Amino acid sequence: MKHTIRPEGDLLRVHMWGRKEDVPPSSVCKAALEEARKHGLKRILVELTQERALSRLSQYLLVEKLQQLGCTHEHRIALVHHTPGLYKESDMIDLVAENRGLNVRSFQDAPSALQWLYSSVH
C-alpha cells in the first residue's frame, strides 16, 4: 500500500492506494495522527483508492486501533472511497466509530466529506 500525508490549510490530507490485502492500515493511521498532532490539526481527509473493502472485522479493528493511537472525539476524520462500491461495503467503520464516540465517517465524494469536516467547530 502506498500513501501520502500532507497538511493543507487547516486540515491534514491523506491519500492511500494499492492496498490488496485485508489488513487495517494501522501504520498509516499512526503516521497521520502523529502528523496531525505535529501541526495542531483536528480535521483529517483520507482519500482511498483500493481494490477491495476491508472486511467487517478489519473495519472494526481499524477503529479500535484509532483510539489506541490517540484519536479522540475532538478529531474529525472523513474517509472518501473513490473505488465504486467500496463506500457501501465500509459501513462498519461508521457504526463502530459512532459507538466509540469518534467522529469518523465514510463518504462517496470529497465535497461531501469536506462539508462534513467543516460542519461543526471544535
PDB file of N, CA and C in Angstrom:
ATOM      1  N   MET A   1       0.842  -1.175   0.000  1.00  0.00           N
ATOM      2  CA  MET A   1       0.000   0.000   0.000  1.00  0.00           C
ATOM      3  C   MET A   1       0.888   1.240   0.000  1.00  0.00           C
ATOM      4  N   LYS A   2       0.478   2.220  -0.739  1.00  0.00           N
ATOM      5  CA  LYS A   2       1.209   3.477  -0.816  1.00  0.00           C
ATOM      6  C   LYS A   2       0.340   4.583  -0.232  1.00  0.00           C
ATOM      7  N   HIS A   3       1.002   5.653   0.220  1.00  0.00           N
ATOM      8  CA  HIS A   3       0.237   6.762   0.792  1.00  0.00           C
ATOM      9  C   HIS A   3       1.051   8.052   0.775  1.00  0.00           C
ATOM     10  N   THR A   4       0.318   9.145   0.857  1.00  0.00           N
ATOM     11  CA  THR A   4       0.925  10.460   1.075  1.00  0.00           C
ATOM     12  C   THR A   4       0.157  11.114   2.223  1.00  0.00           C
ATOM     13  N   ILE A   5       0.868  11.924   2.988  1.00  0.00           N
ATOM     14  CA  ILE A   5       0.265  12.662   4.106  1.00  0.00           C
ATOM     15  C   ILE A   5       0.828  14.073   4.054  1.00  0.00           C
ATOM     16  N   ARG A   6      -0.078  15.067   3.998  1.00  0.00           N
ATOM     17  CA  ARG A   6       0.428  16.444   3.980  1.00  0.00           C
ATOM     18  C   ARG A   6      -0.609  17.395   4.577  1.00  0.00           C
ATOM     19  N   PRO A   7      -0.126  18.375   5.342  1.00  0.00           N
ATOM     20  CA  PRO A   7      -1.037  19.415   5.827  1.00  0.00           C
ATOM     21  C   PRO A   7      -1.474  20.272   4.649  1.00  0.00           C
ATOM     22  N   GLU A   8      -2.730  20.682   4.669  1.00  0.00           N
ATOM     23  CA  GLU A   8      -3.265  21.543   3.614  1.00  0.00           C
ATOM     24  C   GLU A   8      -4.216  22.524   4.292  1.00  0.00           C
ATOM     25  N   GLY A   9      -3.709  23.709   4.575  1.00  0.00           N
ATOM     26  CA  GLY A   9      -4.511  24.678   5.312  1.00  0.00           C
ATOM     27  C   GLY A   9      -4.761  24.179   6.719  1.00  0.00           C
ATOM     28  N   ASP A  10      -6.034  24.119   7.108  1.00  0.00           N
ATOM     29  CA  ASP A  10      -6.341  23.694   8.473  1.00  0.00           C
ATOM     30  C   ASP A  10      -6.851  22.250   8.532  1.00  0.00           C
ATOM     31  N   LEU A  11      -6.414  21.437   7.534  1.00  0.00           N
ATOM     32  CA  LEU A  11      -6.712  20.010   7.603  1.00  0.00           C
ATOM     33  C   LEU A  11      -5.513  19.213   7.131  1.00  0.00           C
ATOM     34  N   LEU A  12      -5.537  17.944   7.462  1.00  0.00           N
ATOM     35  CA  LEU A  12      -4.498  17.029   7.004  1.00  0.00           C
ATOM     36  C   LEU A  12      -5.104  16.204   5.880  1.00  0.00           C
ATOM     37  N   ARG A  13      -4.406  16.128   4.757  1.00  0.00           N
ATOM     38  CA  ARG A  13      -4.911  15.370   3.605  1.00  0.00           C
ATOM     39  C   ARG A  13      -4.056  14.116   3.444  1.00  0.00           C
ATOM     40  N   VAL A  14      -4.739  12.984   3.421  1.00  0.00           N
ATOM     41  CA  VAL A  14      -4.086  11.685   3.284  1.00  0.00           C
ATOM     42  C   VAL A  14      -4.642  11.005   2.043  1.00  0.00           C
ATOM     43  N   HIS A  15      -3.752  10.463   1.226  1.00  0.00           N
ATOM     44  CA  HIS A  15      -4.165   9.648   0.081  1.00  0.00           C
ATOM     45  C   HIS A  15      -3.586   8.248   0.304  1.00  0.00           C
ATOM     46  N   MET A  16      -4.410   7.224   0.097  1.00  0.00           N
ATOM     47  CA  MET A  16      -3.937   5.840   0.196  1.00  0.00           C
ATOM     48  C   MET A  16      -4.423   5.075  -1.030  1.00  0.00           C
ATOM     49  N   TRP A  17      -3.539   4.249  -1.564  1.00  0.00           N
ATOM     50  CA  TRP A  17      -3.907   3.457  -2.722  1.00  0.00           C
ATOM     51  C   TRP A  17      -3.059   2.183  -2.756  1.00  0.00           C
ATOM     52  N   GLY A  18      -3.575   1.202  -3.466  1.00  0.00           N
ATOM     53  CA  GLY A  18      -2.814  -0.015  -3.709  1.00  0.00           C
ATOM     54  C   GLY A  18      -2.891  -1.085  -2.628  1.00  0.00           C
ATOM     55  N   ARG A  19      -3.767  -0.943  -1.640  1.00  0.00           N
ATOM     56  CA  ARG A  19      -3.896  -1.995  -0.632  1.00  0.00           C
ATOM     57  C   ARG A  19      -4.587  -3.178  -1.274  1.00  0.00           C
ATOM     58  N   LYS A  20      -3.958  -4.340  -1.199  1.00  0.00           N
ATOM     59  CA  LYS A  20      -4.524  -5.530  -1.811  1.00  0.00           C
ATOM     60  C   LYS A  20      -4.977  -6.551  -0.771  1.00  0.00           C
ATOM     61  N   GLU A  21      -4.512  -6.394   0.458  1.00  0.00           N
ATOM     62  CA  GLU A  21      -4.822  -7.375   1.494  1.00  0.00           C
ATOM     63  C   GLU A  21      -5.839  -6.821   2.482  1.00  0.00           C
ATOM     64  N   ASP A  22      -6.481  -7.720   3.204  1.00  0.00           N
ATOM     65  CA  ASP A  22      -7.471  -7.340   4.208  1.00  0.00           C
ATOM     66  C   ASP A  22      -6.777  -7.085   5.548  1.00  0.00           C
ATOM     67  N   VAL A  23      -5.950  -6.046   5.550  1.00  0.00           N
ATOM     68  CA  VAL A  23      -5.202  -5.682   6.748  1.00  0.00           C
ATOM     69  C   VAL A  23      -5.439  -4.199   7.028  1.00  0.00           C
ATOM     70  N   PRO A  24      -5.937  -3.855   8.221  1.00  0.00           N
ATOM     71  CA  PRO A  24      -6.150  -2.442   8.541  1.00  0.00           C
ATOM     72  C   PRO A  24      -4.838  -1.660   8.406  1.00  0.00           C
ATOM     73  N   PRO A  25      -4.882  -0.483   7.796  1.00  0.00           N
ATOM     74  CA  PRO A  25      -3.660   0.310   7.587  1.00  0.00           C
ATOM     75  C   PRO A  25      -3.246   1.080   8.847  1.00  0.00           C
ATOM     76  N   SER A  26      -2.991   0.362   9.927  1.00  0.00           N
ATOM     77  CA  SER A  26      -2.687   0.986  11.216  1.00  0.00           C
ATOM     78  C   SER A  26      -1.443   1.865  11.175  1.00  0.00           C
ATOM     79  N   SER A  27      -0.435   1.465  10.406  1.00  0.00           N
ATOM     80  CA  SER A  27       0.795   2.275  10.356  1.00  0.00           C
ATOM     81  C   SER A  27       0.529   3.625   9.700  1.00  0.00           C
ATOM     82  N   VAL A  28      -0.336   3.648   8.689  1.00  0.00           N
ATOM     83  CA  VAL A  28      -0.685   4.916   8.042  1.00  0.00           C
ATOM     84  C   VAL A  28      -1.525   5.766   8.998  1.00  0.00           C
ATOM     85  N   CYS A  29      -2.429   5.131   9.715  1.00  0.00           N
ATOM     86  CA  CYS A  29      -3.244   5.862  10.701  1.00  0.00           C
ATOM     87  C   CYS A  29      -2.352   6.489  11.761  1.00  0.00           C
ATOM     88  N   LYS A  30      -1.384   5.735  12.226  1.00  0.00           N
ATOM     89  CA  LYS A  30      -0.450   6.245  13.234  1.00  0.00           C
ATOM     90  C   LYS A  30       0.314   7.449  12.687  1.00  0.00           C
ATOM     91  N   ALA A  31       0.834   7.321  11.471  1.00  0.00           N
ATOM     92  CA  ALA A  31       1.593   8.418  10.861  1.00  0.00           C
ATOM     93  C   ALA A  31       0.709   9.646  10.658  1.00  0.00           C
ATOM     94  N   ALA A  32      -0.539   9.438  10.243  1.00  0.00           N
ATOM     95  CA  ALA A  32      -1.451  10.567  10.008  1.00  0.00           C
ATOM     96  C   ALA A  32      -1.776  11.275  11.318  1.00  0.00           C
ATOM     97  N   LEU A  33      -2.068  10.519  12.358  1.00  0.00           N
ATOM     98  CA  LEU A  33      -2.379  11.146  13.652  1.00  0.00           C
ATOM     99  C   LEU A  33      -1.166  11.871  14.230  1.00  0.00           C
ATOM    100  N   GLU A  34       0.019  11.319  14.044  1.00  0.00           N
ATOM    101  CA  GLU A  34       1.243  11.998  14.506  1.00  0.00           C
ATOM    102  C   GLU A  34       1.453  13.300  13.736  1.00  0.00           C
ATOM    103  N   GLU A  35       1.240  13.267  12.441  1.00  0.00           N
ATOM    104  CA  GLU A  35       1.396  14.474  11.618  1.00  0.00           C
ATOM    105  C   GLU A  35       0.346  15.519  12.002  1.00  0.00           C
ATOM    106  N   ALA A  36      -0.874  15.075  12.243  1.00  0.00           N
ATOM    107  CA  ALA A  36      -1.934  15.995  12.675  1.00  0.00           C
ATOM    108  C   ALA A  36      -1.556  16.652  14.000  1.00  0.00           C
ATOM    109  N   ARG A  37      -1.055  15.860  14.930  1.00  0.00           N
ATOM    110  CA  ARG A  37      -0.617  16.402  16.228  1.00  0.00           C
ATOM    111  C   ARG A  37       0.503  17.421  16.055  1.00  0.00           C
ATOM    112  N   LYS A  38       1.445  17.078  15.227  1.00  0.00           N
ATOM    113  CA  LYS A  38       2.598  17.950  14.962  1.00  0.00           C
ATOM    114  C   LYS A  38       2.165  19.327  14.467  1.00  0.00           C
ATOM    115  N   HIS A  39       1.099  19.367  13.654  1.00  0.00           N
ATOM    116  CA  HIS A  39       0.632  20.622  13.065  1.00  0.00           C
ATOM    117  C   HIS A  39      -0.592  21.198  13.776  1.00  0.00           C
ATOM    118  N   GLY A  40      -1.034  20.545  14.838  1.00  0.00           N
ATOM    119  CA  GLY A  40      -2.183  21.032  15.588  1.00  0.00           C
ATOM    120  C   GLY A  40      -3.488  20.947  14.815  1.00  0.00           C
ATOM    121  N   LEU A  41      -3.623  19.928  13.964  1.00  0.00           N
ATOM    122  CA  LEU A  41      -4.813  19.773  13.128  1.00  0.00           C
ATOM    123  C   LEU A  41      -5.747  18.711  13.696  1.00  0.00           C
ATOM    124  N   LYS A  42      -7.037  18.967  13.633  1.00  0.00           N
ATOM    125  CA  LYS A  42      -8.043  18.014  14.113  1.00  0.00           C
ATOM    126  C   LYS A  42      -8.885  17.442  12.976  1.00  0.00           C
ATOM    127  N   ARG A  43      -8.833  18.066  11.801  1.00  0.00           N
ATOM    128  CA  ARG A  43      -9.595  17.592  10.647  1.00  0.00           C
ATOM    129  C   ARG A  43      -8.667  16.802   9.733  1.00  0.00           C
ATOM    130  N   ILE A  44      -9.113  15.594   9.371  1.00  0.00           N
ATOM    131  CA  ILE A  44      -8.298  14.732   8.521  1.00  0.00           C
ATOM    132  C   ILE A  44      -9.170  14.211   7.381  1.00  0.00           C
ATOM    133  N   LEU A  45      -8.744  14.461   6.160  1.00  0.00           N
ATOM    134  CA  LEU A  45      -9.425  13.965   4.970  1.00  0.00           C
ATOM    135  C   LEU A  45      -8.582  12.827   4.403  1.00  0.00           C
ATOM    136  N   VAL A  46      -9.172  11.631   4.330  1.00  0.00           N
ATOM    137  CA  VAL A  46      -8.472  10.453   3.824  1.00  0.00           C
ATOM    138  C   VAL A  46      -9.149  10.023   2.533  1.00  0.00           C
ATOM    139  N   GLU A  47      -8.404  10.060   1.433  1.00  0.00           N
ATOM    140  CA  GLU A  47      -8.946   9.648   0.143  1.00  0.00           C
ATOM    141  C   GLU A  47      -8.356   8.290  -0.214  1.00  0.00           C
ATOM    142  N   LEU A  48      -9.263   7.334  -0.462  1.00  0.00           N
ATOM    143  CA  LEU A  48      -8.884   5.936  -0.660  1.00  0.00           C
ATOM    144  C   LEU A  48      -9.203   5.458  -2.070  1.00  0.00           C
ATOM    145  N   THR A  49      -8.236   4.823  -2.685  1.00  0.00           N
ATOM    146  CA  THR A  49      -8.450   4.133  -3.942  1.00  0.00           C
ATOM    147  C   THR A  49      -7.902   2.725  -3.731  1.00  0.00           C
ATOM    148  N   GLN A  50      -8.788   1.808  -3.415  1.00  0.00           N
ATOM    149  CA  GLN A  50      -8.391   0.446  -3.076  1.00  0.00           C
ATOM    150  C   GLN A  50      -9.077  -0.542  -4.006  1.00  0.00           C
ATOM    151  N   GLU A  51      -8.505  -1.726  -4.097  1.00  0.00           N
ATOM    152  CA  GLU A  51      -9.092  -2.758  -4.955  1.00  0.00           C
ATOM    153  C   GLU A  51     -10.300  -3.418  -4.303  1.00  0.00           C
ATOM    154  N   ARG A  52     -10.301  -3.460  -2.956  1.00  0.00           N
ATOM    155  CA  ARG A  52     -11.415  -4.073  -2.244  1.00  0.00           C
ATOM    156  C   ARG A  52     -11.564  -3.431  -0.875  1.00  0.00           C
ATOM    157  N   ALA A  53     -12.745  -3.557  -0.329  1.00  0.00           N
ATOM    158  CA  ALA A  53     -13.001  -3.007   1.004  1.00  0.00           C
ATOM    159  C   ALA A  53     -12.371  -3.911   2.055  1.00  0.00           C
ATOM    160  N   LEU A  54     -12.103  -3.322   3.212  1.00  0.00           N
ATOM    161  CA  LEU A  54     -11.703  -4.133   4.348  1.00  0.00           C
ATOM    162  C   LEU A  54     -12.901  -4.966   4.784  1.00  0.00           C
ATOM    163  N   SER A  55     -12.639  -6.150   5.322  1.00  0.00           N
ATOM    164  CA  SER A  55     -13.721  -6.961   5.872  1.00  0.00           C
ATOM    165  C   SER A  55     -14.320  -6.223   7.066  1.00  0.00           C
ATOM    166  N   ARG A  56     -15.498  -6.660   7.486  1.00  0.00           N
ATOM    167  CA  ARG A  56     -16.149  -6.025   8.632  1.00  0.00           C
ATOM    168  C   ARG A  56     -15.275  -6.142   9.882  1.00  0.00           C
ATOM    169  N   LEU A  57     -14.614  -7.277  10.078  1.00  0.00           N
ATOM    170  CA  LEU A  57     -13.724  -7.443  11.225  1.00  0.00           C
ATOM    171  C   LEU A  57     -12.554  -6.459  11.144  1.00  0.00           C
ATOM    172  N   SER A  58     -11.955  -6.316   9.979  1.00  0.00           N
ATOM    173  CA  SER A  58     -10.827  -5.384   9.825  1.00  0.00           C
ATOM    174  C   SER A  58     -11.268  -3.940  10.015  1.00  0.00           C
ATOM    175  N   GLN A  59     -12.500  -3.613   9.585  1.00  0.00           N
ATOM    176  CA  GLN A  59     -13.019  -2.265   9.821  1.00  0.00           C
ATOM    177  C   GLN A  59     -13.159  -2.020  11.322  1.00  0.00           C
ATOM    178  N   TYR A  60     -13.680  -2.998  12.038  1.00  0.00           N
ATOM    179  CA  TYR A  60     -13.820  -2.906  13.497  1.00  0.00           C
ATOM    180  C   TYR A  60     -12.451  -2.696  14.141  1.00  0.00           C
ATOM    181  N   LEU A  61     -11.481  -3.520  13.756  1.00  0.00           N
ATOM    182  CA  LEU A  61     -10.138  -3.424  14.325  1.00  0.00           C
ATOM    183  C   LEU A  61      -9.485  -2.081  14.005  1.00  0.00           C
ATOM    184  N   LEU A  62      -9.756  -1.551  12.830  1.00  0.00           N
ATOM    185  CA  LEU A  62      -9.204  -0.255  12.443  1.00  0.00           C
ATOM    186  C   LEU A  62      -9.669   0.838  13.397  1.00  0.00           C
ATOM    187  N   VAL A  63     -10.960   0.888  13.675  1.00  0.00           N
ATOM    188  CA  VAL A  63     -11.487   1.919  14.575  1.00  0.00           C
ATOM    189  C   VAL A  63     -10.969   1.707  15.993  1.00  0.00           C
ATOM    190  N   GLU A  64     -10.911   0.471  16.441  1.00  0.00           N
ATOM    191  CA  GLU A  64     -10.361   0.178  17.767  1.00  0.00           C
ATOM    192  C   GLU A  64      -8.923   0.695  17.868  1.00  0.00           C
ATOM    193  N   LYS A  65      -8.146   0.499  16.837  1.00  0.00           N
ATOM    194  CA  LYS A  65      -6.744   0.931  16.828  1.00  0.00           C
ATOM    195  C   LYS A  65      -6.637   2.461  16.830  1.00  0.00           C
ATOM    196  N   LEU A  66      -7.577   3.141  16.153  1.00  0.00           N
ATOM    197  CA  LEU A  66      -7.546   4.607  16.142  1.00  0.00           C
ATOM    198  C   LEU A  66      -7.553   5.161  17.563  1.00  0.00           C
ATOM    199  N   GLN A  67      -8.375   4.588  18.416  1.00  0.00           N
ATOM    200  CA  GLN A  67      -8.420   5.050  19.810  1.00  0.00           C
ATOM    201  C   GLN A  67      -7.070   4.833  20.488  1.00  0.00           C
ATOM    202  N   GLN A  68      -6.468   3.684  20.269  1.00  0.00           N
ATOM    203  CA  GLN A  68      -5.167   3.386  20.869  1.00  0.00           C
ATOM    204  C   GLN A  68      -4.084   4.336  20.374  1.00  0.00           C
ATOM    205  N   LEU A  69      -4.233   4.819  19.151  1.00  0.00           N
ATOM    206  CA  LEU A  69      -3.245   5.724  18.557  1.00  0.00           C
ATOM    207  C   LEU A  69      -3.470   7.183  18.942  1.00  0.00           C
ATOM    208  N   GLY A  70      -4.526   7.446  19.714  1.00  0.00           N
ATOM    209  CA  GLY A  70      -4.747   8.804  20.201  1.00  0.00           C
ATOM    210  C   GLY A  70      -5.862   9.572  19.545  1.00  0.00           C
ATOM    211  N   CYS A  71      -6.642   8.931  18.692  1.00  0.00           N
ATOM    212  CA  CYS A  71      -7.795   9.601  18.099  1.00  0.00           C
ATOM    213  C   CYS A  71      -8.836   9.830  19.195  1.00  0.00           C
ATOM    214  N   THR A  72      -9.350  11.044  19.270  1.00  0.00           N
ATOM    215  CA  THR A  72     -10.342  11.385  20.289  1.00  0.00           C
ATOM    216  C   THR A  72     -11.599  11.949  19.636  1.00  0.00           C
ATOM    217  N   HIS A  73     -12.580  12.272  20.447  1.00  0.00           N
ATOM    218  CA  HIS A  73     -13.819  12.870  19.944  1.00  0.00           C
ATOM    219  C   HIS A  73     -13.574  14.248  19.331  1.00  0.00           C
ATOM    220  N   GLU A  74     -12.416  14.846  19.588  1.00  0.00           N
ATOM    221  CA  GLU A  74     -12.097  16.154  19.006  1.00  0.00           C
ATOM    222  C   GLU A  74     -11.681  16.054  17.535  1.00  0.00           C
ATOM    223  N   HIS A  75     -11.213  14.900  17.118  1.00  0.00           N
ATOM    224  CA  HIS A  75     -10.813  14.710  15.725  1.00  0.00           C
ATOM    225  C   HIS A  75     -12.045  14.489  14.851  1.00  0.00           C
ATOM    226  N   ARG A  76     -11.921  14.895  13.607  1.00  0.00           N
ATOM    227  CA  ARG A  76     -12.937  14.582  12.594  1.00  0.00           C
ATOM    228  C   ARG A  76     -12.176  13.968  11.425  1.00  0.00           C
ATOM    229  N   ILE A  77     -12.499  12.727  11.136  1.00  0.00           N
ATOM    230  CA  ILE A  77     -11.816  12.000  10.069  1.00  0.00           C
ATOM    231  C   ILE A  77     -12.840  11.591   9.026  1.00  0.00           C
ATOM    232  N   ALA A  78     -12.669  12.097   7.813  1.00  0.00           N
ATOM    233  CA  ALA A  78     -13.560  11.771   6.697  1.00  0.00           C
ATOM    234  C   ALA A  78     -12.831  10.826   5.750  1.00  0.00           C
ATOM    235  N   LEU A  79     -13.465   9.691   5.465  1.00  0.00           N
ATOM    236  CA  LEU A  79     -12.908   8.691   4.558  1.00  0.00           C
ATOM    237  C   LEU A  79     -13.671   8.754   3.244  1.00  0.00           C
ATOM    238  N   VAL A  80     -12.981   9.070   2.165  1.00  0.00           N
ATOM    239  CA  VAL A  80     -13.611   9.154   0.848  1.00  0.00           C
ATOM    240  C   VAL A  80     -13.197   7.916   0.055  1.00  0.00           C
ATOM    241  N   HIS A  81     -14.200   7.125  -0.331  1.00  0.00           N
ATOM    242  CA  HIS A  81     -13.966   5.885  -1.075  1.00  0.00           C
ATOM    243  C   HIS A  81     -14.167   6.164  -2.561  1.00  0.00           C
ATOM    244  N   HIS A  82     -13.064   6.259  -3.297  1.00  0.00           N
ATOM    245  CA  HIS A  82     -13.139   6.575  -4.722  1.00  0.00           C
ATOM    246  C   HIS A  82     -13.447   5.354  -5.592  1.00  0.00           C
ATOM    247  N   THR A  83     -13.212   4.154  -5.078  1.00  0.00           N
ATOM    248  CA  THR A  83     -13.478   2.950  -5.854  1.00  0.00           C
ATOM    249  C   THR A  83     -14.972   2.635  -5.802  1.00  0.00           C
ATOM    250  N   PRO A  84     -15.638   2.509  -6.950  1.00  0.00           N
ATOM    251  CA  PRO A  84     -17.081   2.234  -6.952  1.00  0.00           C
ATOM    252  C   PRO A  84     -17.426   1.008  -6.097  1.00  0.00           C
ATOM    253  N   GLY A  85     -18.467   1.148  -5.283  1.00  0.00           N
ATOM    254  CA  GLY A  85     -18.950   0.058  -4.459  1.00  0.00           C
ATOM    255  C   GLY A  85     -18.335  -0.046  -3.081  1.00  0.00           C
ATOM    256  N   LEU A  86     -17.166   0.521  -2.884  1.00  0.00           N
ATOM    257  CA  LEU A  86     -16.499   0.346  -1.591  1.00  0.00           C
ATOM    258  C   LEU A  86     -17.096   1.205  -0.481  1.00  0.00           C
ATOM    259  N   TYR A  87     -17.772   2.284  -0.834  1.00  0.00           N
ATOM    260  CA  TYR A  87     -18.432   3.101   0.180  1.00  0.00           C
ATOM    261  C   TYR A  87     -19.465   2.259   0.932  1.00  0.00           C
ATOM    262  N   LYS A  88     -20.305   1.551   0.195  1.00  0.00           N
ATOM    263  CA  LYS A  88     -21.356   0.743   0.819  1.00  0.00           C
ATOM    264  C   LYS A  88     -20.782  -0.419   1.620  1.00  0.00           C
ATOM    265  N   GLU A  89     -19.637  -0.920   1.224  1.00  0.00           N
ATOM    266  CA  GLU A  89     -19.021  -2.053   1.914  1.00  0.00           C
ATOM    267  C   GLU A  89     -18.221  -1.631   3.144  1.00  0.00           C
ATOM    268  N   SER A  90     -18.153  -0.338   3.420  1.00  0.00           N
ATOM    269  CA  SER A  90     -17.342   0.165   4.536  1.00  0.00           C
ATOM    270  C   SER A  90     -18.193   0.725   5.667  1.00  0.00           C
ATOM    271  N   ASP A  91     -19.423   0.250   5.798  1.00  0.00           N
ATOM    272  CA  ASP A  91     -20.355   0.799   6.777  1.00  0.00           C
ATOM    273  C   ASP A  91     -20.018   0.459   8.230  1.00  0.00           C
ATOM    274  N   MET A  92     -19.242  -0.578   8.461  1.00  0.00           N
ATOM    275  CA  MET A  92     -18.889  -0.952   9.836  1.00  0.00           C
ATOM    276  C   MET A  92     -18.031   0.132  10.488  1.00  0.00           C
ATOM    277  N   ILE A  93     -17.220   0.818   9.719  1.00  0.00           N
ATOM    278  CA  ILE A  93     -16.370   1.882  10.266  1.00  0.00           C
ATOM    279  C   ILE A  93     -17.226   2.951  10.929  1.00  0.00           C
ATOM    280  N   ASP A  94     -18.251   3.419  10.235  1.00  0.00           N
ATOM    281  CA  ASP A  94     -19.127   4.462  10.779  1.00  0.00           C
ATOM    282  C   ASP A  94     -19.823   3.996  12.050  1.00  0.00           C
ATOM    283  N   LEU A  95     -20.315   2.780  12.034  1.00  0.00           N
ATOM    284  CA  LEU A  95     -21.042   2.236  13.186  1.00  0.00           C
ATOM    285  C   LEU A  95     -20.149   2.109  14.414  1.00  0.00           C
ATOM    286  N   VAL A  96     -18.975   1.521  14.246  1.00  0.00           N
ATOM    287  CA  VAL A  96     -18.063   1.331  15.374  1.00  0.00           C
ATOM    288  C   VAL A  96     -17.572   2.681  15.889  1.00  0.00           C
ATOM    289  N   ALA A  97     -17.250   3.595  14.990  1.00  0.00           N
ATOM    290  CA  ALA A  97     -16.796   4.923  15.403  1.00  0.00           C
ATOM    291  C   ALA A  97     -17.865   5.636  16.221  1.00  0.00           C
ATOM    292  N   GLU A  98     -19.101   5.582  15.742  1.00  0.00           N
ATOM    293  CA  GLU A  98     -20.192   6.227  16.471  1.00  0.00           C
ATOM    294  C   GLU A  98     -20.349   5.613  17.860  1.00  0.00           C
ATOM    295  N   ASN A  99     -20.262   4.309  17.950  1.00  0.00           N
ATOM    296  CA  ASN A  99     -20.379   3.631  19.243  1.00  0.00           C
ATOM    297  C   ASN A  99     -19.239   3.983  20.192  1.00  0.00           C
ATOM    298  N   ARG A 100     -18.103   4.392  19.645  1.00  0.00           N
ATOM    299  CA  ARG A 100     -16.937   4.764  20.465  1.00  0.00           C
ATOM    300  C   ARG A 100     -16.866   6.267  20.723  1.00  0.00           C
ATOM    301  N   GLY A 101     -17.823   7.022  20.188  1.00  0.00           N
ATOM    302  CA  GLY A 101     -17.811   8.469  20.360  1.00  0.00           C
ATOM    303  C   GLY A 101     -16.786   9.173  19.492  1.00  0.00           C
ATOM    304  N   LEU A 102     -16.380   8.516  18.396  1.00  0.00           N
ATOM    305  CA  LEU A 102     -15.396   9.104  17.485  1.00  0.00           C
ATOM    306  C   LEU A 102     -16.092   9.675  16.255  1.00  0.00           C
ATOM    307  N   ASN A 103     -15.552  10.745  15.740  1.00  0.00           N
ATOM    308  CA  ASN A 103     -16.085  11.405  14.544  1.00  0.00           C
ATOM    309  C   ASN A 103     -15.342  10.906  13.310  1.00  0.00           C
ATOM    310  N   VAL A 104     -15.682   9.701  12.898  1.00  0.00           N
ATOM    311  CA  VAL A 104     -15.103   9.088  11.702  1.00  0.00           C
ATOM    312  C   VAL A 104     -16.270   8.683  10.820  1.00  0.00           C
ATOM    313  N   ARG A 105     -16.278   9.158   9.566  1.00  0.00           N
ATOM    314  CA  ARG A 105     -17.390   8.876   8.661  1.00  0.00           C
ATOM    315  C   ARG A 105     -16.862   8.573   7.264  1.00  0.00           C
ATOM    316  N   SER A 106     -17.597   7.747   6.557  1.00  0.00           N
ATOM    317  CA  SER A 106     -17.274   7.399   5.171  1.00  0.00           C
ATOM    318  C   SER A 106     -18.128   8.222   4.218  1.00  0.00           C
ATOM    319  N   PHE A 107     -17.547   8.556   3.066  1.00  0.00           N
ATOM    320  CA  PHE A 107     -18.226   9.369   2.059  1.00  0.00           C
ATOM    321  C   PHE A 107     -17.916   8.834   0.669  1.00  0.00           C
ATOM    322  N   GLN A 108     -18.801   9.171  -0.274  1.00  0.00           N
ATOM    323  CA  GLN A 108     -18.617   8.776  -1.670  1.00  0.00           C
ATOM    324  C   GLN A 108     -17.816   9.796  -2.463  1.00  0.00           C
ATOM    325  N   ASP A 109     -17.733  11.041  -1.949  1.00  0.00           N
ATOM    326  CA  ASP A 109     -17.023  12.073  -2.703  1.00  0.00           C
ATOM    327  C   ASP A 109     -16.396  13.090  -1.745  1.00  0.00           C
ATOM    328  N   ALA A 110     -15.362  13.748  -2.234  1.00  0.00           N
ATOM    329  CA  ALA A 110     -14.628  14.716  -1.416  1.00  0.00           C
ATOM    330  C   ALA A 110     -15.458  15.944  -1.030  1.00  0.00           C
ATOM    331  N   PRO A 111     -16.285  16.524  -1.910  1.00  0.00           N
ATOM    332  CA  PRO A 111     -17.067  17.684  -1.488  1.00  0.00           C
ATOM    333  C   PRO A 111     -17.976  17.395  -0.285  1.00  0.00           C
ATOM    334  N   SER A 112     -18.629  16.236  -0.274  1.00  0.00           N
ATOM    335  CA  SER A 112     -19.471  15.872   0.867  1.00  0.00           C
ATOM    336  C   SER A 112     -18.634  15.697   2.128  1.00  0.00           C
ATOM    337  N   ALA A 113     -17.473  15.092   1.981  1.00  0.00           N
ATOM    338  CA  ALA A 113     -16.580  14.884   3.122  1.00  0.00           C
ATOM    339  C   ALA A 113     -16.103  16.219   3.684  1.00  0.00           C
ATOM    340  N   LEU A 114     -15.723  17.132   2.811  1.00  0.00           N
ATOM    341  CA  LEU A 114     -15.252  18.442   3.264  1.00  0.00           C
ATOM    342  C   LEU A 114     -16.370  19.222   3.955  1.00  0.00           C
ATOM    343  N   GLN A 115     -17.568  19.129   3.419  1.00  0.00           N
ATOM    344  CA  GLN A 115     -18.705  19.808   4.058  1.00  0.00           C
ATOM    345  C   GLN A 115     -18.892  19.285   5.479  1.00  0.00           C
ATOM    346  N   TRP A 116     -18.813  17.975   5.664  1.00  0.00           N
ATOM    347  CA  TRP A 116     -18.956  17.385   6.998  1.00  0.00           C
ATOM    348  C   TRP A 116     -17.792  17.794   7.913  1.00  0.00           C
ATOM    349  N   LEU A 117     -16.580  17.779   7.369  1.00  0.00           N
ATOM    350  CA  LEU A 117     -15.409  18.149   8.186  1.00  0.00           C
ATOM    351  C   LEU A 117     -15.543  19.541   8.784  1.00  0.00           C
ATOM    352  N   TYR A 118     -16.156  20.444   8.026  1.00  0.00           N
ATOM    353  CA  TYR A 118     -16.274  21.843   8.476  1.00  0.00           C
ATOM    354  C   TYR A 118     -17.658  22.162   9.024  1.00  0.00           C
ATOM    355  N   SER A 119     -18.494  21.147   9.216  1.00  0.00           N
ATOM    356  CA  SER A 119     -19.873  21.414   9.656  1.00  0.00           C
ATOM    357  C   SER A 119     -20.001  21.775  11.120  1.00  0.00           C
ATOM    358  N   SER A 120     -18.985  21.520  11.918  1.00  0.00           N
ATOM    359  CA  SER A 120     -19.039  21.943  13.327  1.00  0.00           C
ATOM    360  C   SER A 120     -17.662  22.361  13.785  1.00  0.00           C
ATOM    361  N   VAL A 121     -17.644  23.232  14.750  1.00  0.00           N
ATOM    362  CA  VAL A 121     -16.397  23.779  15.272  1.00  0.00           C
ATOM    363  C   VAL A 121     -16.057  23.053  16.559  1.00  0.00           C
ATOM    364  N   HIS A 122     -14.780  22.796  16.754  1.00  0.00           N
ATOM    365  CA  HIS A 122     -14.334  22.138  17.989  1.00  0.00           C
ATOM    366  C   HIS A 122     -14.023  23.162  19.045  1.00  0.00           C
TER     367      HIS A 122
END
